[in-house]
Protein backbone atom coordinates (compact mmCIF):
# COMPACT_ATOMS: atom_id res chain seq x y z
CA UNK A 1 0.00 -0.08 -0.03
CA UNK A 2 2.73 2.38 0.76
CA UNK A 3 4.00 2.00 -2.95
CA UNK A 4 7.52 1.08 -1.75
CA UNK A 5 9.13 -1.56 -4.00
CA UNK A 6 11.89 -3.99 -2.92
CA UNK A 7 13.43 -7.22 -4.23
CA UNK A 8 13.93 -10.35 -2.13
CA UNK A 9 16.19 -13.25 -3.09
CA UNK A 10 15.47 -16.66 -1.99
CA UNK A 11 18.10 -19.24 -1.10
CA UNK A 12 16.19 -22.55 -0.92
CA UNK A 13 12.88 -21.82 -2.45
CA UNK A 14 9.71 -19.53 -2.39
CA UNK A 15 6.31 -20.56 -0.68
CA UNK A 16 3.28 -18.79 -2.08
CA UNK A 17 0.39 -18.66 0.41
CA UNK A 18 -1.49 -15.67 -0.69
CA UNK A 19 -5.01 -17.18 0.37
CA UNK A 20 -8.33 -16.25 -1.03
CA UNK A 21 -10.92 -13.41 -1.22
CA UNK A 22 -14.53 -13.11 -1.63
CA UNK A 23 -15.78 -13.69 -5.18
CA UNK A 24 -16.76 -10.68 -7.42
CA UNK A 25 -20.26 -10.93 -8.22
CA UNK A 26 -20.59 -7.77 -10.35
CA UNK A 27 -21.60 -10.01 -13.64
CA UNK A 28 -23.83 -12.07 -11.82
CA UNK A 29 -25.92 -9.64 -9.55
CA UNK A 30 -27.03 -6.31 -11.02
CA UNK A 31 -26.20 -3.49 -9.04
CA UNK A 32 -24.27 -5.23 -6.29
CA UNK A 33 -21.37 -2.90 -6.42
CA UNK A 34 -23.93 0.11 -6.02
CA UNK A 35 -24.69 -1.15 -2.23
CA UNK A 36 -22.44 -1.27 0.65
CA UNK A 37 -22.69 -5.11 1.06
CA UNK A 38 -20.98 -7.09 3.67
CA UNK A 39 -18.61 -10.13 3.22
CA UNK A 40 -16.92 -12.30 5.90
CA UNK A 41 -14.15 -9.92 5.86
CA UNK A 42 -15.76 -6.81 6.81
CA UNK A 43 -18.96 -8.08 8.52
CA UNK A 44 -18.07 -7.62 12.17
CA UNK A 45 -16.67 -4.17 11.41
CA UNK A 46 -19.75 -2.90 9.91
CA UNK A 47 -22.26 -4.92 12.68
CA UNK A 48 -20.35 -3.34 15.77
CA UNK A 49 -20.09 0.12 14.14
CA UNK A 50 -23.70 0.65 15.02
CA UNK A 51 -25.13 1.03 18.53
CA UNK A 52 -26.61 -1.89 20.49
CA UNK A 53 -30.20 -0.74 19.66
CA UNK A 54 -29.76 -0.71 15.96
CA UNK A 55 -27.88 -3.90 16.10
CA UNK A 56 -30.69 -5.65 17.40
CA UNK A 57 -33.31 -4.47 14.99
CA UNK A 58 -31.26 -5.05 11.63
CA UNK A 59 -32.83 -7.16 8.93
CA UNK A 60 -30.00 -8.84 7.02
CA UNK A 61 -30.26 -10.81 3.95
CA UNK A 62 -27.43 -13.30 3.27
CA UNK A 63 -26.74 -14.49 -0.06
CA UNK A 64 -25.34 -18.06 -0.03
CA UNK A 65 -25.96 -21.08 1.99
CA UNK A 66 -22.64 -22.56 2.23
CA UNK A 67 -20.50 -22.82 5.28
CA UNK A 68 -19.73 -19.09 5.47
CA UNK A 69 -23.36 -18.19 4.85
CA UNK A 70 -24.92 -20.60 7.63
CA UNK A 71 -22.46 -19.78 10.24
CA UNK A 72 -22.80 -15.99 9.99
CA UNK A 73 -26.42 -16.01 9.59
CA UNK A 74 -26.85 -18.03 12.78
CA UNK A 75 -24.38 -15.74 14.63
CA UNK A 76 -26.03 -12.55 13.23
CA UNK A 77 -29.57 -14.14 14.20
CA UNK A 78 -28.25 -14.80 17.89
CA UNK A 79 -26.97 -11.03 18.13
CA UNK A 80 -30.63 -9.68 17.49
CA UNK A 81 -30.82 -9.33 13.91
CA UNK A 82 -33.54 -10.80 11.41
CA UNK A 83 -31.93 -13.06 8.87
CA UNK A 84 -33.07 -14.36 5.51
CA UNK A 85 -30.82 -16.59 3.82
CA UNK A 86 -31.02 -16.77 0.00
CA UNK A 87 -29.33 -20.08 -1.44
CA UNK A 88 -29.10 -21.00 -5.35
CA UNK A 89 -28.85 -24.66 -4.23
CA UNK A 90 -32.07 -26.69 -3.47
CA UNK A 91 -30.64 -27.03 0.24
CA UNK A 92 -28.25 -25.57 2.48
CA UNK A 93 -24.66 -26.97 2.25
CA UNK A 94 -24.94 -28.74 -0.77
CA UNK A 95 -21.75 -30.25 -0.71
CA UNK A 96 -22.54 -31.91 2.73
CA UNK A 97 -24.38 -35.07 3.62
CA UNK A 98 -28.09 -34.34 2.54
CA UNK A 99 -29.50 -35.62 5.86
CA UNK A 100 -27.32 -33.28 7.81
CA UNK A 101 -28.17 -30.34 5.41
CA UNK A 102 -31.93 -30.86 6.10
CA UNK A 103 -31.52 -31.34 9.75
CA UNK A 104 -29.55 -28.15 10.19
CA UNK A 105 -32.18 -26.27 8.20
CA UNK A 106 -34.74 -27.71 10.30
CA UNK A 107 -32.96 -26.25 13.38
CA UNK A 108 -32.30 -22.84 11.93
CA UNK A 109 -35.96 -22.47 10.84
CA UNK A 110 -37.16 -23.49 14.10
CA UNK A 111 -34.75 -21.00 15.59
CA UNK A 112 -36.43 -18.03 13.78
CA UNK A 113 -34.05 -17.64 10.32
CA UNK A 114 -35.77 -17.39 7.22
CA UNK A 115 -34.63 -19.69 4.46
CA UNK A 116 -35.33 -19.60 0.67
CA UNK A 117 -33.51 -22.23 -1.16
CA UNK A 118 -33.44 -22.69 -4.69
CA UNK A 119 -33.40 -19.02 -5.39
CA UNK A 120 -30.89 -16.84 -6.86
CA UNK A 121 -30.49 -13.00 -6.35
CA UNK A 122 -30.73 -11.28 -9.85
CA UNK A 123 -30.38 -7.60 -8.89
CA UNK A 124 -29.94 -5.36 -5.82
CA UNK A 125 -30.65 -1.66 -5.28
CA UNK A 126 -30.73 0.77 -2.25
CA UNK A 127 -33.94 2.36 -1.77
CA UNK A 128 -34.68 5.55 0.51
CA UNK A 129 -37.95 5.52 2.46
CA UNK A 130 -39.69 8.64 4.11
CA UNK A 131 -37.49 9.85 6.72
CA UNK A 132 -34.33 9.29 4.94
CA UNK A 133 -33.86 5.60 6.02
CA UNK A 134 -31.91 3.68 3.46
CA UNK A 135 -32.76 -0.12 2.95
CA UNK A 136 -31.73 -2.52 0.29
CA UNK A 137 -34.25 -4.11 -2.13
CA UNK A 138 -33.36 -7.72 -3.62
CA UNK A 139 -35.02 -9.23 -6.44
CA UNK A 140 -34.90 -12.88 -7.07
CA UNK A 141 -35.13 -14.98 -10.24
CA UNK A 142 -38.75 -15.91 -9.20
CA UNK A 143 -39.51 -12.01 -9.57
CA UNK A 144 -40.13 -12.15 -5.56
CA UNK A 145 -38.59 -8.93 -3.89
CA UNK A 146 -37.30 -8.88 -0.22
CA UNK A 147 -36.14 -5.96 1.63
CA UNK A 148 -33.24 -5.64 4.43
CA UNK A 149 -31.13 -3.03 6.00
CA UNK A 150 -27.81 -4.81 5.11
CA UNK A 151 -26.85 -7.61 2.52
CA UNK A 152 -24.17 -10.16 3.33
CA UNK A 153 -22.72 -11.65 0.26
CA UNK A 154 -21.23 -15.28 1.03
CA UNK A 155 -21.16 -16.92 -2.19
CA UNK A 156 -17.47 -18.36 -2.09
CA UNK A 157 -13.90 -17.23 -2.26
CA UNK A 158 -11.54 -17.13 -5.19
CA UNK A 159 -7.84 -17.90 -4.97
CA UNK A 160 -5.56 -14.51 -4.91
CA UNK A 161 -3.54 -15.41 -7.85
CA UNK A 162 -3.90 -12.04 -9.98
CA UNK A 163 -1.17 -9.42 -10.64
CA UNK A 164 1.74 -11.27 -9.34
CA UNK A 165 3.33 -12.06 -12.51
CA UNK A 166 2.91 -15.70 -11.90
CA UNK A 167 2.27 -16.74 -15.68
CA UNK A 168 5.14 -14.54 -16.63
CA UNK A 169 7.51 -16.92 -15.19
CA UNK A 170 5.80 -19.94 -16.07
CA UNK A 171 3.71 -20.92 -12.93
CA UNK A 172 0.73 -22.51 -14.12
CA UNK A 173 -2.73 -21.36 -12.87
CA UNK A 174 -5.70 -23.75 -12.91
CA UNK A 175 -8.36 -22.79 -15.27
CA UNK A 176 -11.21 -24.35 -13.54
CA UNK A 177 -10.42 -23.46 -9.70
CA UNK A 178 -8.22 -20.24 -10.77
CA UNK A 179 -5.63 -21.55 -8.14
CA UNK A 180 -2.07 -22.17 -8.43
CA UNK A 181 -1.20 -25.53 -9.71
CA UNK A 182 0.61 -27.83 -7.71
CA UNK A 183 1.76 -31.65 -7.35
CA UNK A 184 1.18 -33.79 -4.45
CA UNK A 185 4.41 -32.20 -2.83
CA UNK A 186 3.02 -28.61 -3.29
CA UNK A 187 5.73 -27.68 -5.86
CA UNK A 188 4.26 -25.61 -8.76
CA UNK A 189 5.05 -25.99 -12.36
CA UNK A 190 8.43 -23.95 -11.66
CA UNK A 191 10.94 -26.00 -9.62
CA UNK A 192 11.71 -24.35 -6.26
CA UNK A 193 8.31 -22.57 -6.04
CA UNK A 194 5.72 -24.01 -4.09
CA UNK A 195 2.05 -22.94 -2.85
CA UNK A 196 -0.15 -23.87 0.09
CA UNK A 197 -3.56 -23.12 1.38
CA UNK A 198 -6.53 -21.43 -0.57
CA UNK A 199 -4.58 -20.03 -3.17
CA UNK A 200 -3.97 -23.47 -4.75
CA UNK A 201 -7.81 -23.60 -5.30
CA UNK A 202 -7.99 -26.87 -3.18
CA UNK A 203 -10.50 -27.24 -0.31
CA UNK A 204 -10.53 -24.07 1.63
CA UNK A 205 -10.23 -24.89 5.46
CA UNK A 206 -7.64 -23.19 7.86
CA UNK A 207 -6.51 -26.64 9.53
CA UNK A 208 -5.85 -27.65 6.04
CA UNK A 209 -3.97 -24.43 4.80
CA UNK A 210 -1.81 -24.63 7.92
CA UNK A 211 -0.80 -28.22 7.38
CA UNK A 212 0.03 -27.46 3.78
CA UNK A 213 2.24 -24.53 4.54
CA UNK A 214 3.95 -26.82 7.45
CA UNK A 215 4.59 -29.45 4.90
CA UNK A 216 5.58 -27.06 1.72
CA UNK A 217 8.25 -25.43 4.11
CA UNK A 218 9.74 -28.86 5.16
CA UNK A 219 9.63 -29.84 1.52
CA UNK A 220 11.55 -26.80 0.51
CA UNK A 221 14.16 -27.07 3.25
CA UNK A 222 14.70 -30.87 3.31
CA UNK A 223 15.65 -33.29 0.69
CA UNK A 224 12.67 -35.84 1.30
CA UNK A 225 9.51 -34.64 0.28
CA UNK A 226 6.08 -35.36 2.05
CA UNK A 227 2.54 -35.39 0.59
CA UNK A 228 0.82 -32.03 1.06
CA UNK A 229 -2.27 -32.77 -1.12
CA UNK A 230 -4.86 -35.25 1.15
CA UNK A 231 -7.58 -37.21 -0.48
CA UNK A 232 -9.89 -36.71 2.35
CA UNK A 233 -9.52 -33.78 4.77
CA UNK A 234 -11.90 -33.67 7.97
CA UNK A 235 -14.26 -30.41 8.06
CA UNK A 236 -16.61 -28.87 10.33
CA UNK A 237 -19.38 -26.16 9.65
CA UNK A 238 -19.60 -24.29 13.02
CA UNK A 239 -23.23 -23.74 13.50
CA UNK A 240 -25.45 -25.18 16.27
CA UNK A 241 -25.71 -28.03 15.59
CA UNK A 242 -22.36 -28.46 13.96
CA UNK A 243 -22.07 -30.50 10.91
CA UNK A 244 -18.92 -32.56 10.76
CA UNK A 245 -17.50 -34.79 8.02
CA UNK A 246 -14.92 -37.09 6.96
CA UNK A 247 -14.70 -39.06 3.80
CA UNK A 248 -17.70 -39.69 1.34
CA UNK A 249 -21.32 -38.85 1.81
CA UNK A 250 -23.68 -41.71 1.36
CA UNK A 251 -24.73 -40.66 -2.14
CA UNK A 252 -21.15 -40.23 -3.41
CA UNK A 253 -20.24 -43.78 -1.99
CA UNK A 254 -23.27 -45.42 -3.62
CA UNK A 255 -22.35 -43.81 -6.98
CA UNK A 256 -18.61 -44.89 -6.75
CA UNK A 257 -19.09 -48.43 -5.17
CA UNK A 258 -22.95 -49.25 -6.21
CA UNK A 259 -25.97 -49.43 -4.07
CA UNK A 260 -25.29 -53.28 -3.15
CA UNK A 261 -22.08 -52.55 -1.67
CA UNK A 262 -22.61 -49.87 0.47
CA UNK A 263 -24.53 -49.93 3.69
CA UNK A 264 -25.13 -47.24 6.79
CA UNK A 265 -25.24 -47.27 10.40
CA UNK A 266 -26.66 -44.32 12.16
CA UNK A 267 -27.84 -43.04 15.42
CA UNK A 268 -29.85 -40.02 16.57
CA UNK A 269 -28.72 -38.05 19.29
CA UNK A 270 -31.82 -38.42 21.57
CA UNK A 271 -30.25 -41.93 22.27
CA UNK A 272 -26.81 -40.69 23.43
CA UNK A 273 -26.66 -40.30 26.95
CA UNK A 274 -24.15 -37.39 27.00
CA UNK A 275 -26.35 -35.41 24.32
CA UNK A 276 -29.63 -35.95 26.68
CA UNK A 277 -27.59 -34.70 29.64
CA UNK A 278 -26.45 -31.81 27.57
CA UNK A 279 -30.12 -31.27 26.13
CA UNK A 280 -28.84 -31.05 22.87
CA UNK A 281 -30.56 -34.08 21.43
CA UNK A 282 -33.28 -32.59 19.76
CA UNK A 283 -31.32 -31.96 16.49
CA UNK A 284 -28.64 -34.25 15.20
CA UNK A 285 -27.10 -37.61 14.48
CA UNK A 286 -24.12 -39.67 14.00
CA UNK A 287 -23.91 -41.60 10.57
CA UNK A 288 -21.11 -43.90 9.34
CA UNK A 289 -21.08 -45.25 5.49
CA UNK A 290 -19.16 -48.26 5.07
CA UNK A 291 -18.45 -50.88 2.41
CA UNK A 292 -20.74 -53.81 3.18
CA UNK A 293 -18.14 -56.56 2.01
CA UNK A 294 -15.17 -55.05 3.59
CA UNK A 295 -16.61 -53.16 6.45
CA UNK A 296 -14.21 -50.24 5.55
CA UNK A 297 -15.51 -46.70 6.48
CA UNK A 298 -15.74 -44.88 3.60
């Protein structure tokens, strides 16, 4: 930001860990750049700028039903805002186990959040009512119009790879994810240059990025190389109830191995003693998907 340029020379190698930023939706949502929208980067600064009275009476429209969208939606609701989630997918958390997605949606709706799945935002504009109060009007692809005081955009994150001159030195960028292309040891197409975390276009989890950063640094400094790209990465959506997963969903397992080779073991939390004691048994379950012939957990 200061405009000062400097040149650094690496003795052993270079590690790129530039992360990701919210996707630019200017081409998909007409008028989005004309309103002061929130993202996960500025939501808490903007939220706590106002007085407590104003915070508790805000109407917030959240665009996106993925992990970031649902986590922030529930947090904003519990801080006193009324929240409407608009999700393009037919259910929340479309990449998660369907049963878990539906269970979470039931829990959020019972808590008081308004959820509109299967809807896309077409346009956004700011309107001024009598008295000078400004609000935001959102038009959906169904022609339904909803209004709120603020709009939070949580439709995904794009790898930070632009304006770095990577292509000029031969570092390949994946055309699909927009991330820096790496091998299993996290080395890019240029020997000695490694990349780790969200900038690679791989799964965007903080713990995974930290793991990759450590592995990449070690691969730079030591002669033996360790794999930094994993087939399976555990993940958790930090809502209440939480949604944690590792491995294949039931649907993905059946598509890969066939219906006759996959079975499921599950238990509702109302039959788990700890859940009963903590009074969290109304929603939630434990589900294990396994191979019927080998009993391998998938």
